[in-house]
């Protein structure tokens, strides 16, 4: 669980145009411990993202 939270934090840090990141629920598999995002939404500032990507 700690690893996925660190990765999500890094994602938001690497892409400063991300306004919101919502994953609900985020479950951890009993079988192998892998995270499972059942539903998710990322809200970005599109104009800023387009400028940085070009």
N, C-alpha and C. Protein backbone atom coordinates (compact mmCIF):
# COMPACT_ATOMS: atom_id res chain seq x y z
N UNK A 1 0.83 -1.19 0.00
CA UNK A 1 0.00 0.00 0.00
C UNK A 1 0.88 1.25 0.00
N UNK A 2 1.95 1.21 0.78
CA UNK A 2 2.85 2.36 0.86
C UNK A 2 3.43 2.68 -0.52
N UNK A 3 3.79 1.64 -1.28
CA UNK A 3 4.39 1.82 -2.59
C UNK A 3 3.45 2.54 -3.56
N UNK A 4 2.19 2.14 -3.59
CA UNK A 4 1.23 2.77 -4.51
C UNK A 4 0.98 4.23 -4.14
N UNK A 5 0.94 4.52 -2.85
CA UNK A 5 0.76 5.91 -2.42
C UNK A 5 1.96 6.77 -2.81
N UNK A 6 3.16 6.20 -2.70
CA UNK A 6 4.35 6.93 -3.13
C UNK A 6 4.35 7.16 -4.64
N UNK A 7 3.91 6.18 -5.40
CA UNK A 7 3.85 6.33 -6.85
C UNK A 7 2.83 7.38 -7.27
N UNK A 8 1.69 7.39 -6.62
CA UNK A 8 0.67 8.40 -6.92
C UNK A 8 1.17 9.79 -6.56
N UNK A 9 1.85 9.92 -5.46
CA UNK A 9 2.44 11.20 -5.07
C UNK A 9 3.46 11.67 -6.10
N UNK A 10 4.27 10.75 -6.60
CA UNK A 10 5.27 11.09 -7.62
C UNK A 10 4.60 11.51 -8.92
N UNK A 11 3.50 10.87 -9.27
CA UNK A 11 2.76 11.22 -10.48
C UNK A 11 2.30 12.67 -10.42
N UNK A 12 1.73 13.06 -9.30
CA UNK A 12 1.25 14.43 -9.14
C UNK A 12 2.43 15.41 -9.12
N UNK A 13 3.53 15.02 -8.55
CA UNK A 13 4.72 15.88 -8.51
C UNK A 13 5.30 16.06 -9.92
N UNK A 14 5.35 14.99 -10.70
CA UNK A 14 5.92 15.03 -12.04
C UNK A 14 5.05 15.79 -13.03
N UNK A 15 3.76 15.84 -12.79
CA UNK A 15 2.82 16.51 -13.69
C UNK A 15 2.07 17.60 -12.91
N UNK A 16 2.65 18.79 -12.81
CA UNK A 16 2.09 19.84 -11.97
C UNK A 16 0.73 20.37 -12.44
N UNK A 17 0.32 20.01 -13.65
CA UNK A 17 -0.98 20.45 -14.15
C UNK A 17 -2.13 19.57 -13.65
N UNK A 18 -1.83 18.55 -12.86
CA UNK A 18 -2.87 17.71 -12.26
C UNK A 18 -3.47 18.48 -11.08
N UNK A 19 -4.78 18.73 -11.17
CA UNK A 19 -5.48 19.43 -10.09
C UNK A 19 -6.03 18.46 -9.05
N UNK A 20 -6.59 17.36 -9.53
CA UNK A 20 -7.20 16.39 -8.62
C UNK A 20 -6.90 14.97 -9.10
N UNK A 21 -6.73 14.09 -8.15
CA UNK A 21 -6.56 12.67 -8.43
C UNK A 21 -7.45 11.93 -7.44
N UNK A 22 -8.45 11.26 -7.97
CA UNK A 22 -9.42 10.59 -7.11
C UNK A 22 -9.50 9.11 -7.51
N UNK A 23 -9.18 8.24 -6.60
CA UNK A 23 -9.30 6.80 -6.81
C UNK A 23 -10.15 6.26 -5.67
N UNK A 24 -11.31 5.69 -6.04
CA UNK A 24 -12.23 5.29 -5.00
C UNK A 24 -13.05 4.10 -5.47
N UNK A 25 -12.95 2.99 -4.86
CA UNK A 25 -11.97 2.62 -3.85
C UNK A 25 -10.67 2.12 -4.46
N UNK A 26 -9.64 2.18 -3.70
CA UNK A 26 -8.35 1.58 -4.04
C UNK A 26 -8.21 0.37 -3.13
N UNK A 27 -8.25 -0.79 -3.75
CA UNK A 27 -8.21 -2.03 -2.97
C UNK A 27 -6.87 -2.73 -3.19
N UNK A 28 -6.48 -3.53 -2.25
CA UNK A 28 -5.26 -4.32 -2.35
C UNK A 28 -5.67 -5.79 -2.45
N UNK A 29 -5.16 -6.46 -3.48
CA UNK A 29 -5.50 -7.86 -3.72
C UNK A 29 -4.97 -8.75 -2.59
N UNK A 30 -5.84 -9.63 -2.10
CA UNK A 30 -5.41 -10.61 -1.09
C UNK A 30 -4.44 -11.62 -1.69
N UNK A 31 -4.61 -11.89 -2.97
CA UNK A 31 -3.82 -12.92 -3.64
C UNK A 31 -2.36 -12.53 -3.79
N UNK A 32 -2.10 -11.32 -4.33
CA UNK A 32 -0.72 -10.94 -4.61
C UNK A 32 -0.32 -9.56 -4.07
N UNK A 33 -1.22 -8.90 -3.38
CA UNK A 33 -0.89 -7.61 -2.78
C UNK A 33 -0.87 -6.44 -3.75
N UNK A 34 -1.29 -6.68 -5.00
CA UNK A 34 -1.30 -5.63 -6.01
C UNK A 34 -2.49 -4.70 -5.79
N UNK A 35 -2.28 -3.40 -6.04
CA UNK A 35 -3.39 -2.45 -5.92
C UNK A 35 -4.37 -2.58 -7.09
N UNK A 36 -5.63 -2.35 -6.79
CA UNK A 36 -6.68 -2.39 -7.80
C UNK A 36 -7.49 -1.11 -7.67
N UNK A 37 -7.46 -0.28 -8.72
CA UNK A 37 -8.26 0.94 -8.75
C UNK A 37 -9.60 0.60 -9.39
N UNK A 38 -10.66 0.63 -8.62
CA UNK A 38 -11.97 0.27 -9.12
C UNK A 38 -12.54 1.41 -9.96
N UNK A 39 -12.34 2.63 -9.52
CA UNK A 39 -12.83 3.80 -10.24
C UNK A 39 -11.83 4.92 -10.00
N UNK A 40 -11.59 5.71 -11.02
CA UNK A 40 -10.63 6.80 -10.86
C UNK A 40 -10.95 7.98 -11.74
N UNK A 41 -10.44 9.13 -11.33
CA UNK A 41 -10.64 10.36 -12.09
C UNK A 41 -9.42 11.26 -11.87
N UNK A 42 -8.92 11.83 -12.97
CA UNK A 42 -7.83 12.79 -12.89
C UNK A 42 -8.32 14.08 -13.54
N UNK A 43 -8.27 15.16 -12.81
CA UNK A 43 -8.66 16.47 -13.32
C UNK A 43 -7.38 17.27 -13.58
N UNK A 44 -7.24 17.76 -14.82
CA UNK A 44 -6.03 18.51 -15.18
C UNK A 44 -6.38 19.89 -15.70
N UNK A 45 -5.38 20.77 -15.68
CA UNK A 45 -5.50 22.08 -16.32
C UNK A 45 -4.99 21.89 -17.75
N UNK A 46 -5.92 21.76 -18.69
CA UNK A 46 -5.62 21.35 -20.05
C UNK A 46 -4.65 22.30 -20.76
N UNK A 47 -4.88 23.60 -20.67
CA UNK A 47 -4.01 24.55 -21.37
C UNK A 47 -2.57 24.46 -20.87
N UNK A 48 -2.40 24.33 -19.57
CA UNK A 48 -1.06 24.19 -19.00
C UNK A 48 -0.42 22.87 -19.43
N UNK A 49 -1.20 21.81 -19.45
CA UNK A 49 -0.69 20.50 -19.88
C UNK A 49 -0.24 20.56 -21.34
N UNK A 50 -1.03 21.17 -22.19
CA UNK A 50 -0.67 21.27 -23.61
C UNK A 50 0.62 22.06 -23.80
N UNK A 51 0.81 23.13 -23.05
CA UNK A 51 2.04 23.93 -23.16
C UNK A 51 3.26 23.12 -22.72
N UNK A 52 3.14 22.36 -21.65
CA UNK A 52 4.28 21.60 -21.14
C UNK A 52 4.60 20.39 -22.01
N UNK A 53 3.63 19.81 -22.64
CA UNK A 53 3.85 18.62 -23.44
C UNK A 53 4.47 18.94 -24.79
N UNK A 54 4.18 20.10 -25.34
CA UNK A 54 4.70 20.47 -26.67
C UNK A 54 6.17 20.72 -26.67
